Amino acid sequence: MQTITTVLELRQVLAEAVNADKRIGLVPTMGYLHEGHLALIEASRAQSDVTVVSIFVNPTQFGPSEDLATYPRDLVRDERLCREAGVAIVFAPNVQELYPTHFETFVEPGELANSLCGVFRPGHFRGVATIVCKLFNLVRPDVAFFGQKDFQQCAIVRRVVADLNLPVEVITVPTVREPDGLAMSSRNRYLGEEERRRALAISRGLFAAGAEFQIGERNVEALVAIVRRQLDEIDRVQYVELVDTDTLKPATRPLSRPAALCAAAYVGSTRLIDNIILKPKV
């Protein structure tokens, strides 16, 4: 495994893979890897010849009052996990390498960025779309892998790829969870023992709504209400919404198309997101 920190070296190394007609897979991350990231790496290794993992805490997707400075970082640990998982290249640039002085060009996502997390994190998806496009341009992957936990991000990346005619296949990998149901996230390390216990209310509510959906519930408001009833111990709920998986607009009533039941909430000072996909039988 090689760890590369500069754009020039990355292009030189990947040119060899391209010349050898190797299929390149990209797993974009902000580091502090967990089992969810390892699932993305496993999917990439199964579907490509060369797996590139980017490790970069992207400053342009953090708001002024968010946790950029304290976001967990441990490159040595991440390198070890990548090596053990069979990654070929870790790309770990510093901020100046990707955002040099006088950088001013951004990718502005459209309507998909204006709902759900976009309401509460203005500018977040602008930063996501920009860094993803930069990584796609640098790595030139045949396929890129993202986790379903960040459902809105996945939808926006797919739209950016389609709108800008980028030659990359985007694959969404199902959310990986702790044994008790909590969606894996690098931010889970912020949670104290009591906070982590209370955080389970989010997945518990989603699973309860999913169970009712499986036995026939199709009323959108009822499904959302099932989730909200589980969130009494949550400190602050930002949203619980059922949205169309393609448009991210509110799901039709009664539910007749695939929809994502999404939630975002604070437990203590930690913001957590989660979702499940509901697919009505045709």
Protein backbone atom coordinates (compact mmCIF):
# COMPACT_ATOMS: atom_id res chain seq x y z
CA MET A 1 0.00 0.00 0.00
CA GLN A 2 1.17 3.50 -0.81
CA THR A 3 0.25 6.66 1.10
CA ILE A 4 0.30 9.65 -1.24
CA THR A 5 -0.01 13.26 -0.15
CA THR A 6 0.39 15.27 -3.37
CA VAL A 7 -1.65 15.64 -6.51
CA LEU A 8 1.40 15.19 -8.72
CA GLU A 9 2.41 11.86 -7.19
CA LEU A 10 -1.18 10.62 -7.21
CA ARG A 11 -1.49 11.30 -10.94
CA GLN A 12 1.85 9.61 -11.64
CA VAL A 13 0.98 6.46 -9.72
CA LEU A 14 -2.55 6.20 -11.12
CA ALA A 15 -1.26 6.68 -14.67
CA GLU A 16 0.44 3.30 -14.30
CA ALA A 17 -2.85 1.68 -13.30
CA VAL A 18 -4.69 3.30 -16.21
CA ASN A 19 -2.01 2.25 -18.69
CA ALA A 20 -2.35 -1.30 -17.39
CA ASP A 21 -6.11 -1.11 -18.00
CA LYS A 22 -6.87 -1.52 -14.31
CA ARG A 23 -10.36 -0.76 -12.99
CA ILE A 24 -10.07 1.93 -10.31
CA GLY A 25 -12.39 2.17 -7.31
CA LEU A 26 -12.56 5.22 -5.03
CA VAL A 27 -13.73 5.35 -1.43
CA PRO A 28 -13.88 9.02 -0.34
CA THR A 29 -13.65 9.45 3.45
CA MET A 30 -12.82 12.04 6.08
CA GLY A 31 -10.84 9.43 7.98
CA TYR A 32 -11.20 8.00 11.48
CA LEU A 33 -12.32 4.84 9.73
CA HIS A 34 -14.87 2.39 11.13
CA GLU A 35 -16.65 -0.75 9.96
CA GLY A 36 -18.87 1.28 7.66
CA HIS A 37 -15.84 2.55 5.76
CA LEU A 38 -14.39 -0.95 5.69
CA ALA A 39 -17.61 -2.17 4.05
CA LEU A 40 -17.08 0.43 1.31
CA ILE A 41 -13.50 -0.76 0.87
CA GLU A 42 -14.66 -4.37 0.68
CA ALA A 43 -17.20 -3.44 -2.00
CA SER A 44 -14.53 -1.58 -3.96
CA ARG A 45 -12.07 -4.46 -3.79
CA ALA A 46 -14.78 -6.82 -5.07
CA GLN A 47 -15.57 -4.59 -8.05
CA SER A 48 -12.25 -3.00 -9.00
CA ASP A 49 -8.57 -3.84 -9.42
CA VAL A 50 -7.14 -0.83 -7.58
CA THR A 51 -8.83 0.66 -4.53
CA VAL A 52 -8.02 4.26 -3.61
CA VAL A 53 -9.14 5.58 -0.22
CA SER A 54 -9.03 9.34 0.21
CA ILE A 55 -8.62 10.63 3.76
CA PHE A 56 -9.32 14.34 3.92
CA VAL A 57 -11.29 16.36 6.43
CA ASN A 58 -12.83 18.75 3.95
CA PRO A 59 -13.09 22.25 5.44
CA THR A 60 -15.55 23.57 2.85
CA GLN A 61 -18.35 21.30 4.05
CA PHE A 62 -18.21 22.53 7.66
CA GLY A 63 -20.14 25.55 8.86
CA PRO A 64 -18.49 28.22 11.06
CA SER A 65 -19.94 26.75 14.28
CA GLU A 66 -19.42 23.07 13.37
CA ASP A 67 -16.76 20.60 14.49
CA LEU A 68 -13.99 21.05 11.90
CA ALA A 69 -11.30 21.67 14.51
CA THR A 70 -12.35 18.74 16.70
CA TYR A 71 -13.33 16.23 14.03
CA PRO A 72 -11.53 12.97 14.94
CA ARG A 73 -8.28 12.30 13.10
CA ASP A 74 -5.87 9.37 13.33
CA LEU A 75 -4.00 8.82 10.07
CA VAL A 76 -1.67 6.14 11.47
CA ARG A 77 -4.64 4.05 12.59
CA ASP A 78 -6.44 4.67 9.29
CA GLU A 79 -3.39 3.58 7.30
CA ARG A 80 -3.19 0.35 9.31
CA LEU A 81 -6.86 -0.42 8.71
CA CYS A 82 -6.51 0.31 4.99
CA ARG A 83 -3.42 -1.87 4.71
CA GLU A 84 -5.19 -4.75 6.45
CA ALA A 85 -8.23 -4.28 4.19
CA GLY A 86 -6.17 -4.54 0.99
CA VAL A 87 -6.26 -0.91 -0.12
CA ALA A 88 -3.74 -0.08 -2.84
CA ILE A 89 -3.47 3.70 -2.36
CA VAL A 90 -4.31 6.06 0.49
CA PHE A 91 -4.56 9.66 -0.69
CA ALA A 92 -4.10 11.92 2.35
CA PRO A 93 -3.40 15.49 1.18
CA ASN A 94 -3.25 18.55 3.38
CA VAL A 95 -5.70 21.41 2.94
CA GLN A 96 -3.28 23.54 0.92
CA GLU A 97 -2.83 20.73 -1.60
CA LEU A 98 -6.53 20.71 -2.52
CA TYR A 99 -7.45 24.30 -1.69
CA PRO A 100 -4.39 26.38 -2.59
CA THR A 101 -4.24 30.11 -2.00
CA HIS A 102 -6.75 32.00 -4.18
CA PHE A 103 -8.96 28.93 -4.67
CA GLU A 104 -12.43 30.24 -5.58
CA THR A 105 -14.24 27.75 -7.82
CA PHE A 106 -17.05 25.68 -6.30
CA VAL A 107 -19.66 23.21 -7.53
CA GLU A 108 -23.13 24.43 -6.58
CA PRO A 109 -25.68 21.60 -6.22
CA GLY A 110 -29.31 22.27 -7.07
CA GLU A 111 -32.67 21.58 -5.48
CA LEU A 112 -31.60 18.29 -3.90
CA ALA A 113 -29.40 20.27 -1.50
CA ASN A 114 -32.24 22.46 -0.23
CA SER A 115 -34.08 19.95 1.94
CA LEU A 116 -33.27 17.70 4.92
CA CYS A 117 -29.71 18.44 6.11
CA GLY A 118 -29.40 21.28 3.61
CA VAL A 119 -31.91 23.35 5.60
CA PHE A 120 -29.77 23.17 8.73
CA ARG A 121 -26.29 23.12 7.16
CA PRO A 122 -26.24 25.87 4.52
CA GLY A 123 -23.27 25.47 2.20
CA HIS A 124 -22.53 21.93 3.38
CA PHE A 125 -23.44 20.21 0.12
CA ARG A 126 -21.65 22.88 -1.90
CA GLY A 127 -18.50 21.75 -0.12
CA VAL A 128 -19.37 18.08 -0.62
CA ALA A 129 -20.06 18.49 -4.33
CA THR A 130 -16.84 20.44 -4.80
CA ILE A 131 -14.53 17.98 -3.03
CA VAL A 132 -16.18 14.98 -4.70
CA CYS A 133 -15.68 16.55 -8.14
CA LYS A 134 -12.06 17.32 -7.29
CA LEU A 135 -11.45 13.74 -6.18
CA PHE A 136 -13.18 12.35 -9.26
CA ASN A 137 -10.96 14.55 -11.45
CA LEU A 138 -7.80 13.53 -9.61
CA VAL A 139 -8.41 9.79 -9.22
CA ARG A 140 -10.47 9.27 -12.39
CA PRO A 141 -12.22 6.27 -10.83
CA ASP A 142 -14.38 3.89 -12.79
CA VAL A 143 -16.56 3.45 -9.72
CA ALA A 144 -16.98 5.27 -6.40
CA PHE A 145 -18.53 3.99 -3.19
CA PHE A 146 -20.63 5.91 -0.64
CA GLY A 147 -22.57 4.82 2.45
CA GLN A 148 -26.36 4.90 2.64
CA LYS A 149 -26.23 6.59 6.07
CA ASP A 150 -25.45 9.79 4.16
CA PHE A 151 -28.48 9.27 1.92
CA GLN A 152 -28.89 12.89 0.80
CA GLN A 153 -25.20 13.10 -0.02
CA CYS A 154 -25.52 10.00 -2.20
CA ALA A 155 -28.47 11.49 -4.08
CA ILE A 156 -26.59 14.75 -4.66
CA VAL A 157 -23.43 13.00 -5.86
CA ARG A 158 -25.49 10.97 -8.32
CA ARG A 159 -27.10 14.15 -9.63
CA VAL A 160 -23.75 15.92 -9.97
CA VAL A 161 -22.35 12.95 -11.89
CA ALA A 162 -25.36 12.89 -14.22
CA ASP A 163 -25.54 16.65 -14.75
CA LEU A 164 -21.80 17.09 -15.38
CA ASN A 165 -21.45 13.90 -17.46
CA LEU A 166 -18.75 12.51 -15.19
CA PRO A 167 -17.61 9.04 -16.30
CA VAL A 168 -17.94 7.33 -12.93
CA GLU A 169 -20.43 4.81 -11.55
CA VAL A 170 -21.72 5.70 -8.09
CA ILE A 171 -22.57 2.77 -5.81
CA THR A 172 -24.39 3.14 -2.50
CA VAL A 173 -23.50 0.56 0.15
CA PRO A 174 -26.04 -0.24 2.91
CA THR A 175 -25.56 1.37 6.32
CA VAL A 176 -23.40 -0.63 8.69
CA ARG A 177 -24.69 -0.66 12.28
CA GLU A 178 -23.44 -1.49 15.73
CA PRO A 179 -24.93 -4.71 17.17
CA ASP A 180 -27.53 -2.61 19.03
CA GLY A 181 -28.62 -0.82 15.85
CA LEU A 182 -26.78 2.50 16.08
CA ALA A 183 -25.58 3.59 12.64
CA MET A 184 -21.79 3.66 12.56
CA SER A 185 -20.32 7.14 12.36
CA SER A 186 -16.98 8.73 13.14
CA ARG A 187 -18.91 11.17 15.34
CA ASN A 188 -20.14 8.36 17.62
CA ARG A 189 -16.89 8.74 19.56
CA TYR A 190 -18.23 12.08 20.86
CA LEU A 191 -21.03 10.28 22.73
CA GLY A 192 -20.72 9.58 26.43
CA GLU A 193 -22.11 6.31 27.77
CA GLU A 194 -25.48 7.79 28.72
CA GLU A 195 -25.71 9.77 25.47
CA ARG A 196 -24.98 6.69 23.41
CA ARG A 197 -27.82 4.84 25.15
CA ARG A 198 -30.21 7.66 24.32
CA ALA A 199 -28.94 7.85 20.73
CA LEU A 200 -30.43 4.40 20.09
CA ALA A 201 -33.86 6.04 20.03
CA ILE A 202 -33.17 7.21 16.46
CA SER A 203 -32.61 3.77 14.95
CA ARG A 204 -35.29 2.31 17.23
CA GLY A 205 -37.83 4.76 15.84
CA LEU A 206 -36.83 4.09 12.23
CA PHE A 207 -37.02 0.33 12.75
CA ALA A 208 -40.44 0.64 14.41
CA ALA A 209 -41.76 2.57 11.42
CA GLY A 210 -40.15 0.07 9.05
CA ALA A 211 -41.90 -2.77 10.86
CA GLU A 212 -45.29 -1.05 10.51
CA PHE A 213 -44.57 -0.43 6.84
CA GLN A 214 -43.86 -4.14 6.36
CA ILE A 215 -47.30 -5.08 7.71
CA GLY A 216 -49.10 -2.59 5.51
CA GLU A 217 -48.88 0.96 6.89
CA ARG A 218 -48.72 3.40 3.96
CA ASN A 219 -49.81 6.66 5.58
CA VAL A 220 -46.87 9.07 5.40
CA GLU A 221 -47.82 11.07 8.50
CA ALA A 222 -48.36 7.90 10.52
CA LEU A 223 -44.93 6.52 9.63
CA VAL A 224 -43.23 9.79 10.58
CA ALA A 225 -45.21 9.90 13.84
CA ILE A 226 -44.01 6.40 14.76
CA VAL A 227 -40.42 7.61 14.59
CA ARG A 228 -41.10 10.79 16.54
CA ARG A 229 -42.79 8.87 19.37
CA GLN A 230 -39.48 7.16 20.06
CA LEU A 231 -37.48 10.38 20.34
CA ASP A 232 -38.51 11.65 23.78
CA GLU A 233 -34.99 11.20 25.14
CA ILE A 234 -33.34 13.01 22.23
CA ASP A 235 -32.12 16.49 23.11
CA ARG A 236 -33.05 18.18 19.85
CA VAL A 237 -34.74 16.74 16.77
CA GLN A 238 -33.95 18.64 13.57
CA TYR A 239 -36.16 16.64 11.25
CA VAL A 240 -37.95 13.38 10.64
CA GLU A 241 -39.11 13.22 7.04
CA LEU A 242 -40.24 10.66 4.50
CA VAL A 243 -38.98 11.69 1.05
CA ASP A 244 -38.95 10.29 -2.46
CA THR A 245 -35.63 8.50 -3.03
CA ASP A 246 -35.07 10.21 -6.39
CA THR A 247 -36.28 13.78 -5.86
CA LEU A 248 -36.00 14.10 -2.04
CA LYS A 249 -39.38 15.81 -2.14
CA PRO A 250 -42.04 14.80 0.41
CA ALA A 251 -43.29 11.30 -0.32
CA THR A 252 -46.66 10.85 -1.97
CA ARG A 253 -49.71 10.08 0.13
CA PRO A 254 -50.39 7.18 0.44
CA LEU A 255 -46.86 5.91 -0.04
CA SER A 256 -46.61 4.34 -3.50
CA ARG A 257 -42.97 4.87 -4.55
CA PRO A 258 -39.63 4.03 -2.91
CA ALA A 259 -38.97 6.54 -0.14
CA ALA A 260 -36.31 7.29 2.43
CA LEU A 261 -37.37 7.78 6.04
CA CYS A 262 -34.69 10.16 7.30
CA ALA A 263 -33.91 11.63 10.71
CA ALA A 264 -31.38 14.09 12.10
CA ALA A 265 -31.07 14.92 15.78
CA TYR A 266 -28.69 16.07 18.48
CA VAL A 267 -27.76 13.89 21.43
CA GLY A 268 -25.86 16.20 23.71
CA SER A 269 -23.75 18.28 21.33
CA THR A 270 -23.42 15.49 18.76
CA ARG A 271 -25.44 15.64 15.57
CA LEU A 272 -26.48 12.21 14.25
CA ILE A 273 -28.26 11.22 11.05
CA ASP A 274 -29.84 7.94 10.00
CA ASN A 275 -32.37 6.57 7.51
CA ILE A 276 -34.08 3.49 6.19
CA ILE A 277 -35.46 2.85 2.71
CA LEU A 278 -39.12 1.85 2.28
CA LYS A 279 -40.02 0.14 -0.98
CA PRO A 280 -43.73 -0.46 -1.65
CA LYS A 281 -44.45 -3.58 -3.67
CA VAL A 282 -45.68 -2.74 -7.15
